[in-house]
C-alpha atoms as a PDB file:
ATOM      1  CA  UNK A   1     -23.557  -3.623   3.649  1.00  0.00           C
ATOM      2  CA  UNK A   2     -25.538  -6.756   4.385  1.00  0.00           C
ATOM      3  CA  UNK A   3     -27.425  -7.687   7.524  1.00  0.00           C
ATOM      4  CA  UNK A   4     -26.565 -11.006   9.112  1.00  0.00           C
ATOM      5  CA  UNK A   5     -27.822 -12.617  12.372  1.00  0.00           C
ATOM      6  CA  UNK A   6     -24.505 -11.609  14.044  1.00  0.00           C
ATOM      7  CA  UNK A   7     -24.306  -8.049  12.757  1.00  0.00           C
ATOM      8  CA  UNK A   8     -23.641  -5.961   9.620  1.00  0.00           C
ATOM      9  CA  UNK A   9     -21.289  -7.307   7.017  1.00  0.00           C
ATOM     10  CA  UNK A  10     -19.329  -4.562   5.308  1.00  0.00           C
ATOM     11  CA  UNK A  11     -17.820  -5.429   2.004  1.00  0.00           C
ATOM     12  CA  UNK A  12     -15.389  -2.859   0.585  1.00  0.00           C
ATOM     13  CA  UNK A  13     -13.452  -2.366  -2.630  1.00  0.00           C
ATOM     14  CA  UNK A  14     -11.239   0.708  -2.429  1.00  0.00           C
ATOM     15  CA  UNK A  15      -8.564   2.290  -4.668  1.00  0.00           C
ATOM     16  CA  UNK A  16      -6.178   5.125  -3.819  1.00  0.00           C
ATOM     17  CA  UNK A  17      -3.135   6.848  -5.216  1.00  0.00           C
ATOM     18  CA  UNK A  18      -0.313   7.916  -2.857  1.00  0.00           C
ATOM     19  CA  UNK A  19       3.072   9.551  -3.255  1.00  0.00           C
ATOM     20  CA  UNK A  20       5.934   7.127  -2.903  1.00  0.00           C
ATOM     21  CA  UNK A  21       9.656   7.213  -3.307  1.00  0.00           C
ATOM     22  CA  UNK A  22      11.366   4.649  -5.548  1.00  0.00           C
ATOM     23  CA  UNK A  23      13.945   2.568  -3.610  1.00  0.00           C
ATOM     24  CA  UNK A  24      16.254   2.405  -6.630  1.00  0.00           C
ATOM     25  CA  UNK A  25      16.353   5.900  -8.097  1.00  0.00           C
ATOM     26  CA  UNK A  26      14.801   7.887  -5.168  1.00  0.00           C
ATOM     27  CA  UNK A  27      12.335   9.668  -7.542  1.00  0.00           C
ATOM     28  CA  UNK A  28       8.917  10.470  -6.164  1.00  0.00           C
ATOM     29  CA  UNK A  29       6.111   8.868  -8.113  1.00  0.00           C
ATOM     30  CA  UNK A  30       2.385   8.074  -7.769  1.00  0.00           C
ATOM     31  CA  UNK A  31       1.674   4.533  -6.453  1.00  0.00           C
ATOM     32  CA  UNK A  32      -1.694   2.960  -7.059  1.00  0.00           C
ATOM     33  CA  UNK A  33      -3.264   1.001  -4.249  1.00  0.00           C
ATOM     34  CA  UNK A  34      -6.227  -1.408  -4.273  1.00  0.00           C
ATOM     35  CA  UNK A  35      -7.828  -3.370  -1.519  1.00  0.00           C
ATOM     36  CA  UNK A  36     -10.902  -5.544  -1.025  1.00  0.00           C
ATOM     37  CA  UNK A  37     -12.179  -6.529   2.417  1.00  0.00           C
ATOM     38  CA  UNK A  38     -15.091  -8.132   4.281  1.00  0.00           C
ATOM     39  CA  UNK A  39     -15.590  -7.189   7.956  1.00  0.00           C
ATOM     40  CA  UNK A  40     -18.386  -7.983  10.350  1.00  0.00           C
ATOM     41  CA  UNK A  41     -19.655  -5.271  12.736  1.00  0.00           C
ATOM     42  CA  UNK A  42     -21.280  -7.306  15.531  1.00  0.00           C
ATOM     43  CA  UNK A  43     -24.566  -6.264  17.212  1.00  0.00           C
ATOM     44  CA  UNK A  44     -23.419  -7.623  20.533  1.00  0.00           C
ATOM     45  CA  UNK A  45     -20.078  -8.319  22.170  1.00  0.00           C
ATOM     46  CA  UNK A  46     -20.796 -12.025  22.168  1.00  0.00           C
ATOM     47  CA  UNK A  47     -20.943 -12.090  18.331  1.00  0.00           C
ATOM     48  CA  UNK A  48     -17.667 -10.181  17.820  1.00  0.00           C
ATOM     49  CA  UNK A  49     -15.055 -11.588  15.437  1.00  0.00           C
ATOM     50  CA  UNK A  50     -11.361 -11.499  15.930  1.00  0.00           C
ATOM     51  CA  UNK A  51     -11.224  -8.029  14.461  1.00  0.00           C
ATOM     52  CA  UNK A  52     -13.264  -6.814  17.437  1.00  0.00           C
ATOM     53  CA  UNK A  53     -15.588  -4.572  15.463  1.00  0.00           C
ATOM     54  CA  UNK A  54     -18.903  -3.738  17.079  1.00  0.00           C
ATOM     55  CA  UNK A  55     -21.811  -1.613  15.717  1.00  0.00           C
ATOM     56  CA  UNK A  56     -21.766   1.774  17.491  1.00  0.00           C
ATOM     57  CA  UNK A  57     -24.859   2.774  19.571  1.00  0.00           C
ATOM     58  CA  UNK A  58     -25.820   5.441  17.105  1.00  0.00           C
ATOM     59  CA  UNK A  59     -25.511   3.067  14.147  1.00  0.00           C
ATOM     60  CA  UNK A  60     -22.972   5.311  12.350  1.00  0.00           C
ATOM     61  CA  UNK A  61     -19.850   3.476  11.204  1.00  0.00           C
ATOM     62  CA  UNK A  62     -16.686   5.393  10.472  1.00  0.00           C
ATOM     63  CA  UNK A  63     -14.855   3.362   7.807  1.00  0.00           C
ATOM     64  CA  UNK A  64     -11.794   5.658   7.653  1.00  0.00           C
ATOM     65  CA  UNK A  65      -9.592   3.733  10.099  1.00  0.00           C
ATOM     66  CA  UNK A  66     -10.521   0.389   8.567  1.00  0.00           C
ATOM     67  CA  UNK A  67      -9.886   1.599   4.967  1.00  0.00           C
ATOM     68  CA  UNK A  68      -6.568   3.227   6.109  1.00  0.00           C
ATOM     69  CA  UNK A  69      -5.382  -0.068   7.624  1.00  0.00           C
ATOM     70  CA  UNK A  70      -6.297  -2.149   4.598  1.00  0.00           C
ATOM     71  CA  UNK A  71      -4.691   0.318   2.141  1.00  0.00           C
ATOM     72  CA  UNK A  72      -1.524   0.535   4.296  1.00  0.00           C
ATOM     73  CA  UNK A  73      -1.183  -3.247   3.894  1.00  0.00           C
ATOM     74  CA  UNK A  74      -1.075  -2.725   0.091  1.00  0.00           C
ATOM     75  CA  UNK A  75       1.853  -0.318   0.185  1.00  0.00           C
ATOM     76  CA  UNK A  76       4.808  -2.202  -1.260  1.00  0.00           C
ATOM     77  CA  UNK A  77       7.868  -2.862   1.013  1.00  0.00           C
ATOM     78  CA  UNK A  78      10.182  -1.883  -1.858  1.00  0.00           C
ATOM     79  CA  UNK A  79       8.291   0.588  -4.012  1.00  0.00           C
ATOM     80  CA  UNK A  80       9.521   0.942  -7.604  1.00  0.00           C
ATOM     81  CA  UNK A  81       8.640   3.785  -9.950  1.00  0.00           C
ATOM     82  CA  UNK A  82       8.614   1.137 -12.721  1.00  0.00           C
ATOM     83  CA  UNK A  83       9.723  -2.504 -12.888  1.00  0.00           C
ATOM     84  CA  UNK A  84      12.740  -1.810 -15.096  1.00  0.00           C
ATOM     85  CA  UNK A  85      14.079   1.067 -12.959  1.00  0.00           C
ATOM     86  CA  UNK A  86      17.873   1.240 -13.368  1.00  0.00           C
ATOM     87  CA  UNK A  87      18.528   3.112 -10.076  1.00  0.00           C
ATOM     88  CA  UNK A  88      21.430   5.343  -9.281  1.00  0.00           C
ATOM     89  CA  UNK A  89      25.140   5.002 -10.254  1.00  0.00           C
ATOM     90  CA  UNK A  90      26.955   3.769  -7.120  1.00  0.00           C
ATOM     91  CA  UNK A  91      29.959   5.969  -7.999  1.00  0.00           C
ATOM     92  CA  UNK A  92      28.496   9.424  -8.899  1.00  0.00           C
ATOM     93  CA  UNK A  93      24.779   9.076  -8.006  1.00  0.00           C
ATOM     94  CA  UNK A  94      23.464   9.855 -11.473  1.00  0.00           C
ATOM     95  CA  UNK A  95      19.930   8.658 -12.190  1.00  0.00           C
ATOM     96  CA  UNK A  96      20.551   5.912 -14.776  1.00  0.00           C
ATOM     97  CA  UNK A  97      16.965   6.190 -16.024  1.00  0.00           C
ATOM     98  CA  UNK A  98      17.692   9.659 -17.309  1.00  0.00           C
ATOM     99  CA  UNK A  99      21.375   9.566 -18.242  1.00  0.00           C
ATOM    100  CA  UNK A 100      24.364   7.302 -18.818  1.00  0.00           C
ATOM    101  CA  UNK A 101      27.375   8.272 -16.796  1.00  0.00           C
ATOM    102  CA  UNK A 102      31.016   7.519 -17.518  1.00  0.00           C
ATOM    103  CA  UNK A 103      31.093   4.865 -14.774  1.00  0.00           C
ATOM    104  CA  UNK A 104      28.605   2.703 -16.625  1.00  0.00           C
ATOM    105  CA  UNK A 105      30.905   2.268 -19.592  1.00  0.00           C
ATOM    106  CA  UNK A 106      33.899   1.237 -17.395  1.00  0.00           C
ATOM    107  CA  UNK A 107      34.430  -2.470 -16.957  1.00  0.00           C
ATOM    108  CA  UNK A 108      35.144  -3.517 -13.364  1.00  0.00           C
ATOM    109  CA  UNK A 109      38.288  -5.649 -13.285  1.00  0.00           C
ATOM    110  CA  UNK A 110      38.466  -8.463 -10.737  1.00  0.00           C
ATOM    111  CA  UNK A 111      41.829  -9.492  -9.264  1.00  0.00           C
END
């Protein structure tokens, strides 16, 4: 936290781990998240930034909603358990990271 003429500048650096489901193999895994932000909590409404944050009357700032929003922005659109995830067999649904099914050895013939 830093005091500026307009208000209090909050600088945050947060890490979290959340449960996510891989879009390829559907396994649940732990996803690491990291975010860094700078937000100004204005003393007066005239000094408010686009974020619309104002210092509460009692001076106590609840950072939970702000941290939640920033960490939510870090959640990948297509979460992968690992970059080389092989996914599921389209024929039988076997997890190709754990086993090789008979469909993987068949060559698909094109007409």
